[in-house]
PDB file of N, CA and C in Angstrom:
ATOM      1  N   UNK A   1      18.627 -65.332   7.717  1.00  0.00           N
ATOM      2  CA  UNK A   1      18.654 -64.924   6.328  1.00  0.00           C
ATOM      3  C   UNK A   1      17.411 -64.140   5.944  1.00  0.00           C
ATOM      4  N   UNK A   2      16.243 -64.633   6.343  1.00  0.00           N
ATOM      5  CA  UNK A   2      14.991 -63.949   6.012  1.00  0.00           C
ATOM      6  C   UNK A   2      14.975 -62.553   6.616  1.00  0.00           C
ATOM      7  N   UNK A   3      15.568 -62.407   7.791  1.00  0.00           N
ATOM      8  CA  UNK A   3      15.611 -61.097   8.444  1.00  0.00           C
ATOM      9  C   UNK A   3      16.480 -60.131   7.638  1.00  0.00           C
ATOM     10  N   UNK A   4      17.591 -60.626   7.097  1.00  0.00           N
ATOM     11  CA  UNK A   4      18.449 -59.780   6.260  1.00  0.00           C
ATOM     12  C   UNK A   4      17.724 -59.331   5.001  1.00  0.00           C
ATOM     13  N   UNK A   5      16.942 -60.227   4.397  1.00  0.00           N
ATOM     14  CA  UNK A   5      16.182 -59.871   3.208  1.00  0.00           C
ATOM     15  C   UNK A   5      15.145 -58.805   3.540  1.00  0.00           C
ATOM     16  N   UNK A   6      14.508 -58.938   4.691  1.00  0.00           N
ATOM     17  CA  UNK A   6      13.518 -57.955   5.126  1.00  0.00           C
ATOM     18  C   UNK A   6      14.186 -56.590   5.347  1.00  0.00           C
ATOM     19  N   UNK A   7      15.348 -56.594   5.945  1.00  0.00           N
ATOM     20  CA  UNK A   7      16.088 -55.353   6.167  1.00  0.00           C
ATOM     21  C   UNK A   7      16.467 -54.726   4.827  1.00  0.00           C
ATOM     22  N   UNK A   8      16.909 -55.548   3.863  1.00  0.00           N
ATOM     23  CA  UNK A   8      17.262 -55.042   2.543  1.00  0.00           C
ATOM     24  C   UNK A   8      16.048 -54.395   1.862  1.00  0.00           C
ATOM     25  N   UNK A   9      14.880 -55.024   1.981  1.00  0.00           N
ATOM     26  CA  UNK A   9      13.656 -54.470   1.403  1.00  0.00           C
ATOM     27  C   UNK A   9      13.315 -53.126   2.043  1.00  0.00           C
ATOM     28  N   UNK A  10      13.483 -53.048   3.358  1.00  0.00           N
ATOM     29  CA  UNK A  10      13.203 -51.798   4.067  1.00  0.00           C
ATOM     30  C   UNK A  10      14.184 -50.700   3.650  1.00  0.00           C
ATOM     31  N   UNK A  11      15.426 -51.072   3.439  1.00  0.00           N
ATOM     32  CA  UNK A  11      16.434 -50.099   2.991  1.00  0.00           C
ATOM     33  C   UNK A  11      16.063 -49.568   1.607  1.00  0.00           C
ATOM     34  N   UNK A  12      15.619 -50.455   0.722  1.00  0.00           N
ATOM     35  CA  UNK A  12      15.204 -50.037  -0.620  1.00  0.00           C
ATOM     36  C   UNK A  12      13.996 -49.101  -0.529  1.00  0.00           C
ATOM     37  N   UNK A  13      13.037 -49.426   0.337  1.00  0.00           N
ATOM     38  CA  UNK A  13      11.875 -48.548   0.526  1.00  0.00           C
ATOM     39  C   UNK A  13      12.325 -47.180   1.036  1.00  0.00           C
ATOM     40  N   UNK A  14      13.262 -47.185   1.974  1.00  0.00           N
ATOM     41  CA  UNK A  14      13.787 -45.934   2.524  1.00  0.00           C
ATOM     42  C   UNK A  14      14.434 -45.100   1.418  1.00  0.00           C
ATOM     43  N   UNK A  15      15.211 -45.745   0.577  1.00  0.00           N
ATOM     44  CA  UNK A  15      15.866 -45.026  -0.523  1.00  0.00           C
ATOM     45  C   UNK A  15      14.837 -44.463  -1.499  1.00  0.00           C
ATOM     46  N   UNK A  16      13.774 -45.231  -1.760  1.00  0.00           N
ATOM     47  CA  UNK A  16      12.713 -44.734  -2.641  1.00  0.00           C
ATOM     48  C   UNK A  16      12.036 -43.501  -2.047  1.00  0.00           C
ATOM     49  N   UNK A  17      11.746 -43.550  -0.744  1.00  0.00           N
ATOM     50  CA  UNK A  17      11.139 -42.395  -0.089  1.00  0.00           C
ATOM     51  C   UNK A  17      12.074 -41.188  -0.127  1.00  0.00           C
ATOM     52  N   UNK A  18      13.370 -41.431   0.024  1.00  0.00           N
ATOM     53  CA  UNK A  18      14.335 -40.326  -0.038  1.00  0.00           C
ATOM     54  C   UNK A  18      14.351 -39.698  -1.427  1.00  0.00           C
ATOM     55  N   UNK A  19      14.260 -40.525  -2.476  1.00  0.00           N
ATOM     56  CA  UNK A  19      14.207 -39.994  -3.846  1.00  0.00           C
ATOM     57  C   UNK A  19      12.932 -39.185  -4.059  1.00  0.00           C
ATOM     58  N   UNK A  20      11.822 -39.697  -3.554  1.00  0.00           N
ATOM     59  CA  UNK A  20      10.563 -38.966  -3.665  1.00  0.00           C
ATOM     60  C   UNK A  20      10.657 -37.626  -2.942  1.00  0.00           C
ATOM     61  N   UNK A  21      11.289 -37.636  -1.779  1.00  0.00           N
ATOM     62  CA  UNK A  21      11.453 -36.406  -1.002  1.00  0.00           C
ATOM     63  C   UNK A  21      12.287 -35.399  -1.782  1.00  0.00           C
ATOM     64  N   UNK A  22      13.355 -35.862  -2.420  1.00  0.00           N
ATOM     65  CA  UNK A  22      14.192 -34.966  -3.219  1.00  0.00           C
ATOM     66  C   UNK A  22      13.394 -34.365  -4.377  1.00  0.00           C
ATOM     67  N   UNK A  23      12.568 -35.181  -5.024  1.00  0.00           N
ATOM     68  CA  UNK A  23      11.753 -34.687  -6.136  1.00  0.00           C
ATOM     69  C   UNK A  23      10.769 -33.626  -5.653  1.00  0.00           C
ATOM     70  N   UNK A  24      10.147 -33.864  -4.509  1.00  0.00           N
ATOM     71  CA  UNK A  24       9.197 -32.900  -3.947  1.00  0.00           C
ATOM     72  C   UNK A  24       9.922 -31.601  -3.602  1.00  0.00           C
ATOM     73  N   UNK A  25      11.087 -31.712  -3.019  1.00  0.00           N
ATOM     74  CA  UNK A  25      11.857 -30.516  -2.645  1.00  0.00           C
ATOM     75  C   UNK A  25      12.252 -29.707  -3.885  1.00  0.00           C
ATOM     76  N   UNK A  26      12.621 -30.390  -4.959  1.00  0.00           N
ATOM     77  CA  UNK A  26      12.977 -29.692  -6.192  1.00  0.00           C
ATOM     78  C   UNK A  26      11.759 -28.988  -6.781  1.00  0.00           C
ATOM     79  N   UNK A  27      10.614 -29.653  -6.763  1.00  0.00           N
ATOM     80  CA  UNK A  27       9.393 -29.041  -7.279  1.00  0.00           C
ATOM     81  C   UNK A  27       9.015 -27.817  -6.448  1.00  0.00           C
ATOM     82  N   UNK A  28       9.152 -27.934  -5.132  1.00  0.00           N
ATOM     83  CA  UNK A  28       8.855 -26.793  -4.261  1.00  0.00           C
ATOM     84  C   UNK A  28       9.763 -25.617  -4.591  1.00  0.00           C
ATOM     85  N   UNK A  29      11.034 -25.909  -4.802  1.00  0.00           N
ATOM     86  CA  UNK A  29      11.992 -24.848  -5.111  1.00  0.00           C
ATOM     87  C   UNK A  29      11.625 -24.155  -6.423  1.00  0.00           C
ATOM     88  N   UNK A  30      11.242 -24.932  -7.438  1.00  0.00           N
ATOM     89  CA  UNK A  30      10.849 -24.357  -8.721  1.00  0.00           C
ATOM     90  C   UNK A  30       9.608 -23.475  -8.570  1.00  0.00           C
ATOM     91  N   UNK A  31       8.654 -23.926  -7.791  1.00  0.00           N
ATOM     92  CA  UNK A  31       7.433 -23.148  -7.585  1.00  0.00           C
ATOM     93  C   UNK A  31       7.741 -21.874  -6.808  1.00  0.00           C
ATOM     94  N   UNK A  32       8.652 -21.958  -5.833  1.00  0.00           N
ATOM     95  CA  UNK A  32       9.031 -20.758  -5.084  1.00  0.00           C
ATOM     96  C   UNK A  32       9.640 -19.717  -6.014  1.00  0.00           C
ATOM     97  N   UNK A  33      10.457 -20.152  -6.954  1.00  0.00           N
ATOM     98  CA  UNK A  33      11.062 -19.236  -7.919  1.00  0.00           C
ATOM     99  C   UNK A  33       9.961 -18.605  -8.776  1.00  0.00           C
ATOM    100  N   UNK A  34       9.033 -19.436  -9.264  1.00  0.00           N
ATOM    101  CA  UNK A  34       7.945 -18.922 -10.087  1.00  0.00           C
ATOM    102  C   UNK A  34       7.073 -17.941  -9.304  1.00  0.00           C
ATOM    103  N   UNK A  35       6.789 -18.260  -8.051  1.00  0.00           N
ATOM    104  CA  UNK A  35       5.990 -17.354  -7.220  1.00  0.00           C
ATOM    105  C   UNK A  35       6.705 -16.022  -7.018  1.00  0.00           C
ATOM    106  N   UNK A  36       8.020 -16.078  -6.868  1.00  0.00           N
ATOM    107  CA  UNK A  36       8.797 -14.847  -6.742  1.00  0.00           C
ATOM    108  C   UNK A  36       8.708 -13.996  -7.997  1.00  0.00           C
ATOM    109  N   UNK A  37       8.827 -14.642  -9.147  1.00  0.00           N
ATOM    110  CA  UNK A  37       8.736 -13.924 -10.419  1.00  0.00           C
ATOM    111  C   UNK A  37       7.338 -13.337 -10.615  1.00  0.00           C
ATOM    112  N   UNK A  38       6.320 -14.107 -10.264  1.00  0.00           N
ATOM    113  CA  UNK A  38       4.945 -13.616 -10.377  1.00  0.00           C
ATOM    114  C   UNK A  38       4.735 -12.420  -9.459  1.00  0.00           C
ATOM    115  N   UNK A  39       5.272 -12.501  -8.259  1.00  0.00           N
ATOM    116  CA  UNK A  39       5.149 -11.396  -7.311  1.00  0.00           C
ATOM    117  C   UNK A  39       5.770 -10.119  -7.851  1.00  0.00           C
ATOM    118  N   UNK A  40       6.955 -10.246  -8.444  1.00  0.00           N
ATOM    119  CA  UNK A  40       7.618  -9.070  -9.028  1.00  0.00           C
ATOM    120  C   UNK A  40       6.811  -8.507 -10.194  1.00  0.00           C
ATOM    121  N   UNK A  41       6.288  -9.390 -11.033  1.00  0.00           N
ATOM    122  CA  UNK A  41       5.492  -8.937 -12.178  1.00  0.00           C
ATOM    123  C   UNK A  41       4.218  -8.242 -11.706  1.00  0.00           C
ATOM    124  N   UNK A  42       3.558  -8.806 -10.703  1.00  0.00           N
ATOM    125  CA  UNK A  42       2.341  -8.187 -10.171  1.00  0.00           C
ATOM    126  C   UNK A  42       2.641  -6.828  -9.554  1.00  0.00           C
ATOM    127  N   UNK A  43       3.781  -6.723  -8.920  1.00  0.00           N
ATOM    128  CA  UNK A  43       4.184  -5.446  -8.321  1.00  0.00           C
ATOM    129  C   UNK A  43       4.336  -4.382  -9.413  1.00  0.00           C
ATOM    130  N   UNK A  44       4.973  -4.745 -10.516  1.00  0.00           N
ATOM    131  CA  UNK A  44       5.154  -3.801 -11.621  1.00  0.00           C
ATOM    132  C   UNK A  44       3.824  -3.475 -12.297  1.00  0.00           C
ATOM    133  N   UNK A  45       2.972  -4.488 -12.447  1.00  0.00           N
ATOM    134  CA  UNK A  45       1.666  -4.244 -13.065  1.00  0.00           C
ATOM    135  C   UNK A  45       0.791  -3.365 -12.181  1.00  0.00           C
ATOM    136  N   UNK A  46       1.024  -3.429 -10.883  1.00  0.00           N
ATOM    137  CA  UNK A  46       0.275  -2.579  -9.961  1.00  0.00           C
ATOM    138  C   UNK A  46       0.577  -1.105 -10.174  1.00  0.00           C
ATOM    139  N   UNK A  47       1.732  -0.819 -10.728  1.00  0.00           N
ATOM    140  CA  UNK A  47       2.125   0.562 -10.999  1.00  0.00           C
ATOM    141  C   UNK A  47       1.541   1.082 -12.315  1.00  0.00           C
ATOM    142  N   UNK A  48       1.071   0.160 -13.157  1.00  0.00           N
ATOM    143  CA  UNK A  48       0.569   0.536 -14.484  1.00  0.00           C
ATOM    144  C   UNK A  48      -0.922   0.835 -14.439  1.00  0.00           C
ATOM    145  N   UNK A  49      -1.350   1.680 -15.346  1.00  0.00           N
ATOM    146  CA  UNK A  49      -2.764   1.946 -15.554  1.00  0.00           C
ATOM    147  C   UNK A  49      -3.390   0.672 -16.108  1.00  0.00           C
ATOM    148  N   UNK A  50      -4.602   0.319 -15.654  1.00  0.00           N
ATOM    149  CA  UNK A  50      -5.231  -0.941 -16.059  1.00  0.00           C
ATOM    150  C   UNK A  50      -5.411  -1.060 -17.570  1.00  0.00           C
ATOM    151  N   UNK A  51      -5.622   0.051 -18.239  1.00  0.00           N
ATOM    152  CA  UNK A  51      -5.845   0.008 -19.690  1.00  0.00           C
ATOM    153  C   UNK A  51      -4.540   0.122 -20.475  1.00  0.00           C
ATOM    154  N   UNK A  52      -3.461   0.363 -19.780  1.00  0.00           N
ATOM    155  CA  UNK A  52      -2.165   0.475 -20.434  1.00  0.00           C
ATOM    156  C   UNK A  52      -1.804  -0.861 -21.079  1.00  0.00           C
ATOM    157  N   UNK A  53      -1.146  -0.787 -22.238  1.00  0.00           N
ATOM    158  CA  UNK A  53      -0.750  -2.003 -22.918  1.00  0.00           C
ATOM    159  C   UNK A  53       0.588  -2.493 -22.380  1.00  0.00           C
ATOM    160  N   UNK A  54       0.654  -3.784 -22.173  1.00  0.00           N
ATOM    161  CA  UNK A  54       1.890  -4.431 -21.726  1.00  0.00           C
ATOM    162  C   UNK A  54       2.118  -5.633 -22.637  1.00  0.00           C
ATOM    163  N   UNK A  55       3.277  -6.220 -22.508  1.00  0.00           N
ATOM    164  CA  UNK A  55       3.584  -7.415 -23.288  1.00  0.00           C
ATOM    165  C   UNK A  55       3.802  -8.574 -22.341  1.00  0.00           C
ATOM    166  N   UNK A  56       3.300  -9.723 -22.746  1.00  0.00           N
ATOM    167  CA  UNK A  56       3.515 -10.941 -21.966  1.00  0.00           C
ATOM    168  C   UNK A  56       4.105 -11.990 -22.894  1.00  0.00           C
ATOM    169  N   UNK A  57       4.883 -12.880 -22.333  1.00  0.00           N
ATOM    170  CA  UNK A  57       5.489 -13.925 -23.153  1.00  0.00           C
ATOM    171  C   UNK A  57       4.679 -15.207 -23.032  1.00  0.00           C
ATOM    172  N   UNK A  58       4.478 -15.804 -24.168  1.00  0.00           N
ATOM    173  CA  UNK A  58       3.842 -17.115 -24.234  1.00  0.00           C
ATOM    174  C   UNK A  58       4.790 -17.962 -25.072  1.00  0.00           C
ATOM    175  N   UNK A  59       5.512 -18.828 -24.416  1.00  0.00           N
ATOM    176  CA  UNK A  59       6.547 -19.591 -25.115  1.00  0.00           C
ATOM    177  C   UNK A  59       7.627 -18.636 -25.586  1.00  0.00           C
ATOM    178  N   UNK A  60       7.881 -18.633 -26.876  1.00  0.00           N
ATOM    179  CA  UNK A  60       8.907 -17.758 -27.451  1.00  0.00           C
ATOM    180  C   UNK A  60       8.317 -16.517 -28.101  1.00  0.00           C
ATOM    181  N   UNK A  61       7.031 -16.245 -27.857  1.00  0.00           N
ATOM    182  CA  UNK A  61       6.343 -15.140 -28.507  1.00  0.00           C
ATOM    183  C   UNK A  61       5.889 -14.126 -27.461  1.00  0.00           C
ATOM    184  N   UNK A  62       6.030 -12.845 -27.791  1.00  0.00           N
ATOM    185  CA  UNK A  62       5.517 -11.786 -26.926  1.00  0.00           C
ATOM    186  C   UNK A  62       4.202 -11.288 -27.503  1.00  0.00           C
ATOM    187  N   UNK A  63       3.208 -11.154 -26.639  1.00  0.00           N
ATOM    188  CA  UNK A  63       1.873 -10.748 -27.077  1.00  0.00           C
ATOM    189  C   UNK A  63       1.449  -9.510 -26.300  1.00  0.00           C
ATOM    190  N   UNK A  64       0.810  -8.580 -27.026  1.00  0.00           N
ATOM    191  CA  UNK A  64       0.310  -7.357 -26.404  1.00  0.00           C
ATOM    192  C   UNK A  64      -0.960  -7.687 -25.634  1.00  0.00           C
ATOM    193  N   UNK A  65      -1.090  -7.092 -24.445  1.00  0.00           N
ATOM    194  CA  UNK A  65      -2.252  -7.323 -23.591  1.00  0.00           C
ATOM    195  C   UNK A  65      -2.478  -6.080 -22.749  1.00  0.00           C
ATOM    196  N   UNK A  66      -3.659  -5.966 -22.165  1.00  0.00           N
ATOM    197  CA  UNK A  66      -3.869  -4.853 -21.238  1.00  0.00           C
ATOM    198  C   UNK A  66      -3.267  -5.241 -19.895  1.00  0.00           C
ATOM    199  N   UNK A  67      -2.865  -4.244 -19.143  1.00  0.00           N
ATOM    200  CA  UNK A  67      -2.292  -4.498 -17.823  1.00  0.00           C
ATOM    201  C   UNK A  67      -3.306  -5.232 -16.950  1.00  0.00           C
ATOM    202  N   UNK A  68      -4.575  -4.869 -17.096  1.00  0.00           N
ATOM    203  CA  UNK A  68      -5.640  -5.497 -16.308  1.00  0.00           C
ATOM    204  C   UNK A  68      -5.714  -6.995 -16.593  1.00  0.00           C
ATOM    205  N   UNK A  69      -5.716  -7.366 -17.890  1.00  0.00           N
ATOM    206  CA  UNK A  69      -5.792  -8.783 -18.252  1.00  0.00           C
ATOM    207  C   UNK A  69      -4.540  -9.541 -17.800  1.00  0.00           C
ATOM    208  N   UNK A  70      -3.388  -8.929 -17.991  1.00  0.00           N
ATOM    209  CA  UNK A  70      -2.143  -9.581 -17.593  1.00  0.00           C
ATOM    210  C   UNK A  70      -2.119  -9.802 -16.079  1.00  0.00           C
ATOM    211  N   UNK A  71      -2.571  -8.796 -15.338  1.00  0.00           N
ATOM    212  CA  UNK A  71      -2.603  -8.910 -13.879  1.00  0.00           C
ATOM    213  C   UNK A  71      -3.568 -10.014 -13.453  1.00  0.00           C
ATOM    214  N   UNK A  72      -4.704 -10.068 -14.083  1.00  0.00           N
ATOM    215  CA  UNK A  72      -5.701 -11.094 -13.770  1.00  0.00           C
ATOM    216  C   UNK A  72      -5.142 -12.496 -14.020  1.00  0.00           C
ATOM    217  N   UNK A  73      -4.476 -12.660 -15.153  1.00  0.00           N
ATOM    218  CA  UNK A  73      -3.885 -13.962 -15.480  1.00  0.00           C
ATOM    219  C   UNK A  73      -2.785 -14.346 -14.490  1.00  0.00           C
ATOM    220  N   UNK A  74      -1.979 -13.372 -14.104  1.00  0.00           N
ATOM    221  CA  UNK A  74      -0.914 -13.654 -13.139  1.00  0.00           C
ATOM    222  C   UNK A  74      -1.475 -14.002 -11.765  1.00  0.00           C
ATOM    223  N   UNK A  75      -2.530 -13.323 -11.360  1.00  0.00           N
ATOM    224  CA  UNK A  75      -3.138 -13.630 -10.067  1.00  0.00           C
ATOM    225  C   UNK A  75      -3.723 -15.045 -10.067  1.00  0.00           C
ATOM    226  N   UNK A  76      -4.303 -15.432 -11.194  1.00  0.00           N
ATOM    227  CA  UNK A  76      -4.835 -16.796 -11.317  1.00  0.00           C
ATOM    228  C   UNK A  76      -3.701 -17.822 -11.257  1.00  0.00           C
ATOM    229  N   UNK A  77      -2.624 -17.520 -11.965  1.00  0.00           N
ATOM    230  CA  UNK A  77      -1.464 -18.420 -11.952  1.00  0.00           C
ATOM    231  C   UNK A  77      -0.875 -18.512 -10.548  1.00  0.00           C
ATOM    232  N   UNK A  78      -0.827 -17.384  -9.853  1.00  0.00           N
ATOM    233  CA  UNK A  78      -0.295 -17.359  -8.494  1.00  0.00           C
ATOM    234  C   UNK A  78      -1.152 -18.244  -7.577  1.00  0.00           C
ATOM    235  N   UNK A  79      -2.461 -18.153  -7.713  1.00  0.00           N
ATOM    236  CA  UNK A  79      -3.363 -18.976  -6.907  1.00  0.00           C
ATOM    237  C   UNK A  79      -3.122 -20.460  -7.170  1.00  0.00           C
ATOM    238  N   UNK A  80      -2.971 -20.812  -8.446  1.00  0.00           N
ATOM    239  CA  UNK A  80      -2.690 -22.204  -8.795  1.00  0.00           C
ATOM    240  C   UNK A  80      -1.359 -22.671  -8.210  1.00  0.00           C
ATOM    241  N   UNK A  81      -0.350 -21.819  -8.311  1.00  0.00           N
ATOM    242  CA  UNK A  81       0.976 -22.171  -7.784  1.00  0.00           C
ATOM    243  C   UNK A  81       0.939 -22.329  -6.265  1.00  0.00           C
ATOM    244  N   UNK A  82       0.211 -21.457  -5.600  1.00  0.00           N
ATOM    245  CA  UNK A  82       0.098 -21.565  -4.139  1.00  0.00           C
ATOM    246  C   UNK A  82      -0.619 -22.859  -3.745  1.00  0.00           C
ATOM    247  N   UNK A  83      -1.621 -23.247  -4.526  1.00  0.00           N
ATOM    248  CA  UNK A  83      -2.309 -24.515  -4.271  1.00  0.00           C
ATOM    249  C   UNK A  83      -1.377 -25.694  -4.469  1.00  0.00           C
ATOM    250  N   UNK A  84      -0.585 -25.626  -5.525  1.00  0.00           N
ATOM    251  CA  UNK A  84       0.395 -26.696  -5.787  1.00  0.00           C
ATOM    252  C   UNK A  84       1.435 -26.754  -4.677  1.00  0.00           C
ATOM    253  N   UNK A  85       1.847 -25.586  -4.195  1.00  0.00           N
ATOM    254  CA  UNK A  85       2.832 -25.541  -3.112  1.00  0.00           C
ATOM    255  C   UNK A  85       2.258 -26.199  -1.854  1.00  0.00           C
ATOM    256  N   UNK A  86       1.014 -25.908  -1.560  1.00  0.00           N
ATOM    257  CA  UNK A  86       0.377 -26.500  -0.385  1.00  0.00           C
ATOM    258  C   UNK A  86       0.327 -28.022  -0.504  1.00  0.00           C
ATOM    259  N   UNK A  87      -0.021 -28.505  -1.698  1.00  0.00           N
ATOM    260  CA  UNK A  87      -0.060 -29.950  -1.933  1.00  0.00           C
ATOM    261  C   UNK A  87       1.324 -30.567  -1.740  1.00  0.00           C
ATOM    262  N   UNK A  88       2.348 -29.902  -2.266  1.00  0.00           N
ATOM    263  CA  UNK A  88       3.711 -30.402  -2.122  1.00  0.00           C
ATOM    264  C   UNK A  88       4.153 -30.398  -0.659  1.00  0.00           C
ATOM    265  N   UNK A  89       3.754 -29.381   0.087  1.00  0.00           N
ATOM    266  CA  UNK A  89       4.107 -29.329   1.509  1.00  0.00           C
ATOM    267  C   UNK A  89       3.439 -30.470   2.277  1.00  0.00           C
ATOM    268  N   UNK A  90       2.205 -30.799   1.899  1.00  0.00           N
ATOM    269  CA  UNK A  90       1.522 -31.928   2.529  1.00  0.00           C
ATOM    270  C   UNK A  90       2.235 -33.237   2.192  1.00  0.00           C
ATOM    271  N   UNK A  91       2.622 -33.393   0.918  1.00  0.00           N
ATOM    272  CA  UNK A  91       3.362 -34.581   0.504  1.00  0.00           C
ATOM    273  C   UNK A  91       4.670 -34.684   1.272  1.00  0.00           C
ATOM    274  N   UNK A  92       5.348 -33.552   1.403  1.00  0.00           N
ATOM    275  CA  UNK A  92       6.621 -33.528   2.109  1.00  0.00           C
ATOM    276  C   UNK A  92       6.435 -33.978   3.556  1.00  0.00           C
ATOM    277  N   UNK A  93       5.386 -33.502   4.203  1.00  0.00           N
ATOM    278  CA  UNK A  93       5.125 -33.896   5.584  1.00  0.00           C
ATOM    279  C   UNK A  93       4.883 -35.389   5.717  1.00  0.00           C
ATOM    280  N   UNK A  94       4.099 -35.945   4.799  1.00  0.00           N
ATOM    281  CA  UNK A  94       3.831 -37.387   4.828  1.00  0.00           C
ATOM    282  C   UNK A  94       5.105 -38.183   4.586  1.00  0.00           C
ATOM    283  N   UNK A  95       5.898 -37.727   3.609  1.00  0.00           N
ATOM    284  CA  UNK A  95       7.155 -38.416   3.315  1.00  0.00           C
ATOM    285  C   UNK A  95       8.119 -38.348   4.493  1.00  0.00           C
ATOM    286  N   UNK A  96       8.195 -37.186   5.134  1.00  0.00           N
ATOM    287  CA  UNK A  96       9.076 -37.055   6.306  1.00  0.00           C
ATOM    288  C   UNK A  96       8.654 -38.030   7.407  1.00  0.00           C
ATOM    289  N   UNK A  97       7.356 -38.101   7.638  1.00  0.00           N
ATOM    290  CA  UNK A  97       6.852 -39.018   8.658  1.00  0.00           C
ATOM    291  C   UNK A  97       7.184 -40.457   8.326  1.00  0.00           C
ATOM    292  N   UNK A  98       6.991 -40.837   7.083  1.00  0.00           N
ATOM    293  CA  UNK A  98       7.285 -42.205   6.660  1.00  0.00           C
ATOM    294  C   UNK A  98       8.779 -42.487   6.719  1.00  0.00           C
ATOM    295  N   UNK A  99       9.590 -41.510   6.324  1.00  0.00           N
ATOM    296  CA  UNK A  99      11.046 -41.672   6.404  1.00  0.00           C
ATOM    297  C   UNK A  99      11.491 -41.883   7.850  1.00  0.00           C
ATOM    298  N   UNK A 100      10.970 -41.079   8.749  1.00  0.00           N
ATOM    299  CA  UNK A 100      11.335 -41.220  10.164  1.00  0.00           C
ATOM    300  C   UNK A 100      10.906 -42.575  10.703  1.00  0.00           C
ATOM    301  N   UNK A 101       9.691 -43.004  10.319  1.00  0.00           N
ATOM    302  CA  UNK A 101       9.195 -44.295  10.781  1.00  0.00           C
ATOM    303  C   UNK A 101      10.086 -45.427  10.279  1.00  0.00           C
ATOM    304  N   UNK A 102      10.435 -45.369   9.000  1.00  0.00           N
ATOM    305  CA  UNK A 102      11.290 -46.411   8.426  1.00  0.00           C
ATOM    306  C   UNK A 102      12.694 -46.401   9.032  1.00  0.00           C
ATOM    307  N   UNK A 103      13.236 -45.201   9.230  1.00  0.00           N
ATOM    308  CA  UNK A 103      14.569 -45.107   9.822  1.00  0.00           C
ATOM    309  C   UNK A 103      14.573 -45.710  11.225  1.00  0.00           C
ATOM    310  N   UNK A 104      13.568 -45.408  12.000  1.00  0.00           N
ATOM    311  CA  UNK A 104      13.471 -45.945  13.356  1.00  0.00           C
ATOM    312  C   UNK A 104      13.334 -47.466  13.314  1.00  0.00           C
ATOM    313  N   UNK A 105      12.478 -47.947  12.409  1.00  0.00           N
ATOM    314  CA  UNK A 105      12.260 -49.388  12.273  1.00  0.00           C
ATOM    315  C   UNK A 105      13.560 -50.084  11.889  1.00  0.00           C
ATOM    316  N   UNK A 106      14.279 -49.508  10.933  1.00  0.00           N
ATOM    317  CA  UNK A 106      15.545 -50.107  10.502  1.00  0.00           C
ATOM    318  C   UNK A 106      16.579 -50.109  11.628  1.00  0.00           C
ATOM    319  N   UNK A 107      16.637 -49.030  12.368  1.00  0.00           N
ATOM    320  CA  UNK A 107      17.578 -48.970  13.482  1.00  0.00           C
ATOM    321  C   UNK A 107      17.265 -50.053  14.507  1.00  0.00           C
ATOM    322  N   UNK A 108      15.980 -50.239  14.777  1.00  0.00           N
ATOM    323  CA  UNK A 108      15.576 -51.264  15.730  1.00  0.00           C
ATOM    324  C   UNK A 108      15.909 -52.660  15.203  1.00  0.00           C
ATOM    325  N   UNK A 109      15.581 -52.894  13.922  1.00  0.00           N
ATOM    326  CA  UNK A 109      15.845 -54.213  13.330  1.00  0.00           C
ATOM    327  C   UNK A 109      17.334 -54.503  13.243  1.00  0.00           C
ATOM    328  N   UNK A 110      18.100 -53.502  12.880  1.00  0.00           N
ATOM    329  CA  UNK A 110      19.551 -53.706  12.775  1.00  0.00           C
ATOM    330  C   UNK A 110      20.156 -53.877  14.155  1.00  0.00           C
ATOM    331  N   UNK A 111      19.612 -53.175  15.125  1.00  0.00           N
ATOM    332  CA  UNK A 111      20.093 -53.338  16.499  1.00  0.00           C
ATOM    333  C   UNK A 111      19.798 -54.734  17.021  1.00  0.00           C
ATOM    334  N   UNK A 112      18.597 -55.242  16.724  1.00  0.00           N
ATOM    335  CA  UNK A 112      18.237 -56.572  17.213  1.00  0.00           C
ATOM    336  C   UNK A 112      18.994 -57.664  16.450  1.00  0.00           C
ATOM    337  N   UNK A 113      19.313 -57.405  15.163  1.00  0.00           N
ATOM    338  CA  UNK A 113      20.082 -58.417  14.403  1.00  0.00           C
ATOM    339  C   UNK A 113      21.527 -58.423  14.865  1.00  0.00           C
ATOM    340  N   UNK A 114      22.057 -57.269  15.306  1.00  0.00           N
ATOM    341  CA  UNK A 114      23.420 -57.215  15.852  1.00  0.00           C
ATOM    342  C   UNK A 114      23.483 -57.990  17.153  1.00  0.00           C
ATOM    343  N   UNK A 115      22.447 -57.857  17.971  1.00  0.00           N
ATOM    344  CA  UNK A 115      22.419 -58.565  19.256  1.00  0.00           C
ATOM    345  C   UNK A 115      22.300 -60.065  19.068  1.00  0.00           C
ATOM    346  N   UNK A 116      21.619 -60.500  18.000  1.00  0.00           N
ATOM    347  CA  UNK A 116      21.428 -61.919  17.740  1.00  0.00           C
ATOM    348  C   UNK A 116      22.693 -62.556  17.220  1.00  0.00           C
ATOM    349  N   UNK A 117      23.591 -61.767  16.620  1.00  0.00           N
ATOM    350  CA  UNK A 117      24.837 -62.311  16.047  1.00  0.00           C
ATOM    351  C   UNK A 117      25.813 -62.748  17.071  1.00  0.00           C
TER     352      UNK A 117
END
């Protein structure tokens, strides 16, 4: 009985890690989309004269800015997003390792409990 309870606890831990992995994957996907949009915006700003006026959105409001300032802000945002992506990739690697370890452990425990039956 105690072995079954231990297996149940491990299964719950495995499910929690799987949920965490899904959350990390969703966050990575959102950041990839944002990085793509930033890349396109930077590409267009690269075509503009630095002193040329452009508009940027902040919430529901569009604000006039120089191309130089807008480009600078986007490059800063891109750097932050890339840092966040790196952190998420590290988290993903740790979660994958833990998931594999737990899956192997559960397979071994379930195999040994089947043999004991």
